[in-house]
Amino acid sequence: MATWQLRDAKARFSQLLRQAREGEPQQITVHGRPAAVVLSQEDYERLKAPKPSFVDFMRASPLVGVELEAERDNSLPRNVDL
């Protein structure tokens, strides 16, 4: 991510905006500390979009309905010296 000091960001805002629109977030600092990030509209919309619940995610899996054969390992645990 490119980093801009505030004065440089103001002076070259068109360049900063163009780079953000091309998909590269731009960080702006004030007194050397991160203050803001400029994103493309597309990146912003993707980040704010609602995320599916875990259950919905699993239901949308291409493996829904596949039977898995899982066997438990019944061997004894290893010895640990404490």
C-alpha atoms as a PDB file:
ATOM      1  CA  MET A   1       0.000   0.000   0.000  1.00  0.00           C
ATOM      2  CA  ALA A   2       1.364   3.407  -0.935  1.00  0.00           C
ATOM      3  CA  THR A   3       1.723   5.913   1.903  1.00  0.00           C
ATOM      4  CA  TRP A   4       1.281   9.659   1.514  1.00  0.00           C
ATOM      5  CA  GLN A   5       1.946  12.481   3.935  1.00  0.00           C
ATOM      6  CA  LEU A   6      -1.098  14.721   4.175  1.00  0.00           C
ATOM      7  CA  ARG A   7       0.519  17.683   2.412  1.00  0.00           C
ATOM      8  CA  ASP A   8       1.622  15.449  -0.498  1.00  0.00           C
ATOM      9  CA  ALA A   9      -1.819  13.839  -0.682  1.00  0.00           C
ATOM     10  CA  LYS A  10      -3.445  17.285  -0.964  1.00  0.00           C
ATOM     11  CA  ALA A  11      -0.948  18.481  -3.555  1.00  0.00           C
ATOM     12  CA  ARG A  12      -1.225  15.352  -5.718  1.00  0.00           C
ATOM     13  CA  PHE A  13      -4.771  14.262  -4.971  1.00  0.00           C
ATOM     14  CA  SER A  14      -5.533  13.383  -8.605  1.00  0.00           C
ATOM     15  CA  GLN A  15      -2.630  10.914  -8.675  1.00  0.00           C
ATOM     16  CA  LEU A  16      -3.621   9.447  -5.307  1.00  0.00           C
ATOM     17  CA  LEU A  17      -7.206   9.019  -6.506  1.00  0.00           C
ATOM     18  CA  ARG A  18      -6.146   7.448  -9.813  1.00  0.00           C
ATOM     19  CA  GLN A  19      -3.996   4.865  -8.011  1.00  0.00           C
ATOM     20  CA  ALA A  20      -6.847   4.062  -5.604  1.00  0.00           C
ATOM     21  CA  ARG A  21      -9.261   3.610  -8.542  1.00  0.00           C
ATOM     22  CA  GLU A  22      -6.767   1.214 -10.137  1.00  0.00           C
ATOM     23  CA  GLY A  23      -7.162  -1.044  -7.088  1.00  0.00           C
ATOM     24  CA  GLU A  24      -4.222   0.003  -4.921  1.00  0.00           C
ATOM     25  CA  PRO A  25      -5.352   1.409  -1.540  1.00  0.00           C
ATOM     26  CA  GLN A  26      -3.604   4.650  -0.572  1.00  0.00           C
ATOM     27  CA  GLN A  27      -2.750   5.394   3.058  1.00  0.00           C
ATOM     28  CA  ILE A  28      -2.593   8.997   4.276  1.00  0.00           C
ATOM     29  CA  THR A  29      -0.545   9.880   7.356  1.00  0.00           C
ATOM     30  CA  VAL A  30      -0.695  12.899   9.648  1.00  0.00           C
ATOM     31  CA  HIS A  31       2.455  13.618  11.628  1.00  0.00           C
ATOM     32  CA  GLY A  32       3.780  10.191  10.628  1.00  0.00           C
ATOM     33  CA  ARG A  33       0.770   8.270  11.948  1.00  0.00           C
ATOM     34  CA  PRO A  34      -1.775   6.476   9.755  1.00  0.00           C
ATOM     35  CA  ALA A  35      -4.946   8.586   9.527  1.00  0.00           C
ATOM     36  CA  ALA A  36      -6.990   7.380   6.551  1.00  0.00           C
ATOM     37  CA  VAL A  37      -7.072   4.996   3.619  1.00  0.00           C
ATOM     38  CA  VAL A  38      -8.479   5.854   0.190  1.00  0.00           C
ATOM     39  CA  LEU A  39     -10.053   2.880  -1.608  1.00  0.00           C
ATOM     40  CA  SER A  40     -11.705   2.422  -4.962  1.00  0.00           C
ATOM     41  CA  GLN A  41     -15.501   2.373  -4.879  1.00  0.00           C
ATOM     42  CA  GLU A  42     -15.393  -1.283  -5.968  1.00  0.00           C
ATOM     43  CA  ASP A  43     -13.133  -2.258  -3.037  1.00  0.00           C
ATOM     44  CA  TYR A  44     -15.307  -0.312  -0.612  1.00  0.00           C
ATOM     45  CA  GLU A  45     -18.518  -1.978  -1.833  1.00  0.00           C
ATOM     46  CA  ARG A  46     -16.880  -5.401  -1.550  1.00  0.00           C
ATOM     47  CA  LEU A  47     -15.785  -4.698   2.035  1.00  0.00           C
ATOM     48  CA  LYS A  48     -19.155  -3.381   3.189  1.00  0.00           C
ATOM     49  CA  ALA A  49     -21.196  -6.155   1.539  1.00  0.00           C
ATOM     50  CA  PRO A  50     -22.911  -8.423   4.068  1.00  0.00           C
ATOM     51  CA  LYS A  51     -21.057 -11.647   4.691  1.00  0.00           C
ATOM     52  CA  PRO A  52     -22.963 -14.930   4.628  1.00  0.00           C
ATOM     53  CA  SER A  53     -23.310 -16.793   7.909  1.00  0.00           C
ATOM     54  CA  PHE A  54     -21.188 -19.878   8.424  1.00  0.00           C
ATOM     55  CA  VAL A  55     -24.265 -22.064   7.971  1.00  0.00           C
ATOM     56  CA  ASP A  56     -25.086 -20.407   4.633  1.00  0.00           C
ATOM     57  CA  PHE A  57     -21.456 -20.767   3.575  1.00  0.00           C
ATOM     58  CA  MET A  58     -21.504 -24.493   4.345  1.00  0.00           C
ATOM     59  CA  ARG A  59     -24.860 -24.984   2.592  1.00  0.00           C
ATOM     60  CA  ALA A  60     -23.429 -23.380  -0.552  1.00  0.00           C
ATOM     61  CA  SER A  61     -20.481 -25.794  -0.592  1.00  0.00           C
ATOM     62  CA  PRO A  62     -20.128 -27.996  -3.664  1.00  0.00           C
ATOM     63  CA  LEU A  63     -19.618 -30.891  -1.237  1.00  0.00           C
ATOM     64  CA  VAL A  64     -23.165 -30.740   0.191  1.00  0.00           C
ATOM     65  CA  GLY A  65     -24.572 -34.250   0.310  1.00  0.00           C
ATOM     66  CA  VAL A  66     -21.220 -36.010  -0.102  1.00  0.00           C
ATOM     67  CA  GLU A  67     -20.831 -38.827   2.398  1.00  0.00           C
ATOM     68  CA  LEU A  68     -17.526 -38.687   4.222  1.00  0.00           C
ATOM     69  CA  GLU A  69     -16.002 -41.791   5.734  1.00  0.00           C
ATOM     70  CA  ALA A  70     -14.271 -40.758   8.917  1.00  0.00           C
ATOM     71  CA  GLU A  71     -12.673 -43.271  11.219  1.00  0.00           C
ATOM     72  CA  ARG A  72     -11.464 -42.485  14.679  1.00  0.00           C
ATOM     73  CA  ASP A  73      -7.913 -43.459  15.541  1.00  0.00           C
ATOM     74  CA  ASN A  74      -8.231 -45.690  18.614  1.00  0.00           C
ATOM     75  CA  SER A  75      -4.507 -45.992  19.311  1.00  0.00           C
ATOM     76  CA  LEU A  76      -3.239 -44.909  22.718  1.00  0.00           C
ATOM     77  CA  PRO A  77      -1.867 -41.384  23.114  1.00  0.00           C
ATOM     78  CA  ARG A  78       1.866 -40.923  23.183  1.00  0.00           C
ATOM     79  CA  ASN A  79       3.728 -40.718  26.494  1.00  0.00           C
ATOM     80  CA  VAL A  80       4.727 -37.275  27.637  1.00  0.00           C
ATOM     81  CA  ASP A  81       7.364 -36.597  30.267  1.00  0.00           C
ATOM     82  CA  LEU A  82       6.423 -33.724  32.531  1.00  0.00           C
END
